[in-house]
Amino acid sequence: MNEKNIASHNASPSPDSVSPALTPMEEALQEAQKAGKRGEVPVGAVLLGPTGELLARSGNRIVELKDPTAHAEILVLREGASKFGSERLLECDLYVTLEPCTMCAGAISFARIRRLYFGADDPKGGGVENGVRFFDQPTCHHRPDVYGGICAQEASHLLKDFFAARRGDPRA
């Protein structure tokens, strides 16, 4: 299933919806770019409500907020829960540019996200298809439908370029 087909469930455009010209993952990539420009690891997330309305979008803000939990996923879950009026984000879909870590996977499970779409795999820090594979654990109470590899190349390039620039790599 390609990204355009996956996003086809979106409602008609409104101020609270993703841009009709961009898929939700492309919106998340824009948030990741903004995060990178702020000096944050470039990870972005977008949360859509049950009918495709935009509930929240954010990039990492760990450095800015001096909060180790200010991952893009956590920030959109918090904002989305506030807008949605419930800690349970039933029938909501989360798009994130990087495979969520274990902390974020736990929050996604507790929020009862319907579908998780992510871009690049994270062999070192991922907690969904790598690492602890949180949703496969018998102690996991809710497992969203998971679709990885969406816009993976673009997401991976953002991360590689960011870390190359931090190392002073002239190719960055």
Protein backbone atom coordinates (compact mmCIF):
# COMPACT_ATOMS: atom_id res chain seq x y z
CA MET A 1 0.00 0.00 0.00
CA ASN A 2 1.54 3.32 -0.98
CA GLU A 3 1.41 6.54 1.03
CA LYS A 4 -1.18 8.21 -1.23
CA ASN A 5 -3.57 5.25 -0.80
CA ILE A 6 -3.00 5.10 2.95
CA ALA A 7 -3.86 8.78 3.31
CA SER A 8 -6.99 8.57 1.16
CA HIS A 9 -9.23 8.27 4.23
CA ASN A 10 -8.67 11.95 5.04
CA ALA A 11 -11.70 14.22 5.28
CA SER A 12 -12.08 17.18 2.98
CA PRO A 13 -9.60 19.99 3.63
CA SER A 14 -10.28 22.39 6.49
CA PRO A 15 -8.08 24.54 8.73
CA ASP A 16 -7.80 21.53 11.03
CA SER A 17 -6.81 19.02 8.36
CA VAL A 18 -3.57 18.17 6.68
CA SER A 19 -2.77 20.04 3.51
CA PRO A 20 -4.60 18.51 0.53
CA ALA A 21 -1.33 18.74 -1.42
CA LEU A 22 0.61 16.72 1.19
CA THR A 23 0.14 13.30 2.70
CA PRO A 24 0.19 13.02 6.49
CA MET A 25 3.70 11.57 6.32
CA GLU A 26 4.87 14.49 4.20
CA GLU A 27 3.42 16.80 6.88
CA ALA A 28 5.37 14.81 9.50
CA LEU A 29 8.53 15.20 7.40
CA GLN A 30 7.98 18.98 7.41
CA GLU A 31 7.76 18.89 11.21
CA ALA A 32 10.98 16.85 11.29
CA GLN A 33 12.72 19.45 9.11
CA LYS A 34 11.59 22.23 11.47
CA ALA A 35 12.89 20.24 14.45
CA GLY A 36 16.27 19.80 12.77
CA LYS A 37 16.50 23.55 12.12
CA ARG A 38 15.91 24.12 15.85
CA GLY A 39 18.83 21.80 16.63
CA GLU A 40 16.59 18.90 17.62
CA VAL A 41 16.93 15.40 16.20
CA PRO A 42 14.70 15.69 13.11
CA VAL A 43 11.69 13.55 13.98
CA GLY A 44 8.17 14.71 13.22
CA ALA A 45 4.71 13.37 13.95
CA VAL A 46 1.13 14.04 12.86
CA LEU A 47 -2.00 12.75 14.61
CA LEU A 48 -5.25 12.43 12.68
CA GLY A 49 -8.66 11.97 14.23
CA PRO A 50 -11.23 9.34 13.21
CA THR A 51 -12.40 11.24 10.12
CA GLY A 52 -8.94 12.40 9.05
CA GLU A 53 -9.02 15.76 10.83
CA LEU A 54 -5.72 17.05 12.09
CA LEU A 55 -5.54 16.81 15.88
CA ALA A 56 -1.87 17.65 16.34
CA ARG A 57 1.50 17.97 14.65
CA SER A 58 4.93 18.46 16.16
CA GLY A 59 8.60 17.74 15.92
CA ASN A 60 10.98 16.76 18.69
CA ARG A 61 11.39 19.46 21.36
CA ILE A 62 13.65 17.66 23.83
CA VAL A 63 16.38 20.32 23.85
CA GLU A 64 14.02 23.28 23.66
CA LEU A 65 11.86 22.10 26.57
CA LYS A 66 14.72 20.44 28.45
CA ASP A 67 12.43 17.42 28.69
CA PRO A 68 13.71 13.96 27.78
CA THR A 69 10.12 12.86 27.09
CA ALA A 70 9.39 15.63 24.55
CA HIS A 71 9.54 13.26 21.59
CA ALA A 72 7.34 14.23 18.64
CA GLU A 73 5.02 11.28 19.29
CA ILE A 74 4.48 12.17 22.95
CA LEU A 75 3.83 15.82 22.12
CA VAL A 76 1.16 15.02 19.52
CA LEU A 77 -0.46 12.42 21.79
CA ARG A 78 -0.72 15.02 24.58
CA GLU A 79 -2.13 17.73 22.32
CA GLY A 80 -4.38 15.28 20.52
CA ALA A 81 -5.83 13.92 23.76
CA SER A 82 -6.60 17.45 24.88
CA LYS A 83 -8.37 18.30 21.59
CA PHE A 84 -10.07 14.91 21.36
CA GLY A 85 -11.30 15.21 24.93
CA SER A 86 -10.03 11.82 26.06
CA GLU A 87 -6.82 10.05 26.95
CA ARG A 88 -7.98 7.23 24.67
CA LEU A 89 -7.42 8.23 21.07
CA LEU A 90 -9.67 5.53 19.69
CA GLU A 91 -9.84 5.40 15.89
CA CYS A 92 -6.97 7.93 15.60
CA ASP A 93 -3.93 7.41 13.37
CA LEU A 94 -0.36 8.45 14.11
CA TYR A 95 2.25 9.23 11.46
CA VAL A 96 5.86 9.54 12.60
CA THR A 97 9.05 9.84 10.56
CA LEU A 98 11.10 7.40 12.68
CA GLU A 99 10.21 4.08 14.26
CA PRO A 100 9.03 4.94 17.79
CA CYS A 101 11.22 4.14 20.78
CA THR A 102 9.98 1.93 23.59
CA MET A 103 8.71 4.91 25.62
CA CYS A 104 6.68 6.18 22.69
CA ALA A 105 5.42 2.69 21.80
CA GLY A 106 4.11 2.38 25.37
CA ALA A 107 2.33 5.73 25.09
CA ILE A 108 0.89 4.75 21.69
CA SER A 109 -0.47 1.55 23.22
CA PHE A 110 -1.97 3.34 26.25
CA ALA A 111 -3.57 5.92 23.94
CA ARG A 112 -5.18 3.09 21.94
CA ILE A 113 -4.00 4.47 18.59
CA ARG A 114 -5.74 2.65 15.72
CA ARG A 115 -2.91 2.73 13.19
CA LEU A 116 0.76 3.66 13.42
CA TYR A 117 2.57 4.66 10.24
CA PHE A 118 6.31 5.29 10.45
CA GLY A 119 9.10 6.15 8.07
CA ALA A 120 12.65 5.04 8.80
CA ASP A 121 13.52 1.98 10.84
CA ASP A 122 15.56 2.60 13.99
CA PRO A 123 17.77 -0.46 14.58
CA LYS A 124 19.45 1.14 17.63
CA GLY A 125 16.58 2.87 19.43
CA GLY A 126 13.38 1.57 17.87
CA GLY A 127 10.90 -0.29 20.01
CA VAL A 128 8.37 -1.49 17.43
CA GLU A 129 10.10 -3.61 14.80
CA ASN A 130 13.52 -3.44 16.45
CA GLY A 131 14.71 -3.63 20.04
CA VAL A 132 12.08 -4.83 22.50
CA ARG A 133 9.29 -5.00 19.90
CA PHE A 134 6.90 -3.56 22.43
CA PHE A 135 3.66 -4.45 20.67
CA ASP A 136 4.69 -8.12 20.48
CA GLN A 137 5.09 -8.44 24.25
CA PRO A 138 2.45 -10.36 26.22
CA THR A 139 2.22 -7.41 28.64
CA CYS A 140 1.14 -5.02 25.85
CA HIS A 141 -2.57 -4.28 26.23
CA HIS A 142 -3.20 -2.75 22.81
CA ARG A 143 -1.41 -3.21 19.51
CA PRO A 144 -2.16 -0.75 16.72
CA ASP A 145 -1.97 -1.77 13.10
CA VAL A 146 1.63 -0.93 12.15
CA TYR A 147 2.87 0.15 8.73
CA GLY A 148 6.59 0.89 8.46
CA GLY A 149 8.78 2.17 5.66
CA ILE A 150 6.55 5.05 4.50
CA CYS A 151 8.75 7.79 3.04
CA ALA A 152 11.60 5.92 4.71
CA GLN A 153 14.27 7.21 2.37
CA GLU A 154 13.34 10.86 2.95
CA ALA A 155 13.17 10.37 6.72
CA SER A 156 16.48 8.52 6.76
CA HIS A 157 18.20 11.26 4.73
CA LEU A 158 16.99 13.94 7.17
CA LEU A 159 18.50 12.01 10.07
CA LYS A 160 21.76 11.14 8.30
CA ASP A 161 22.27 14.73 7.13
CA PHE A 162 21.54 16.07 10.62
CA PHE A 163 24.06 13.80 12.33
CA ALA A 164 26.67 14.29 9.59
CA ALA A 165 26.43 18.07 10.08
CA ARG A 166 26.82 17.64 13.85
CA ARG A 167 29.98 15.60 13.28
CA GLY A 168 31.29 18.27 10.91
CA ASP A 169 31.13 15.96 7.90
CA PRO A 170 31.81 18.12 4.80
CA ARG A 171 29.31 16.04 2.79
CA ALA A 172 26.44 17.32 4.94
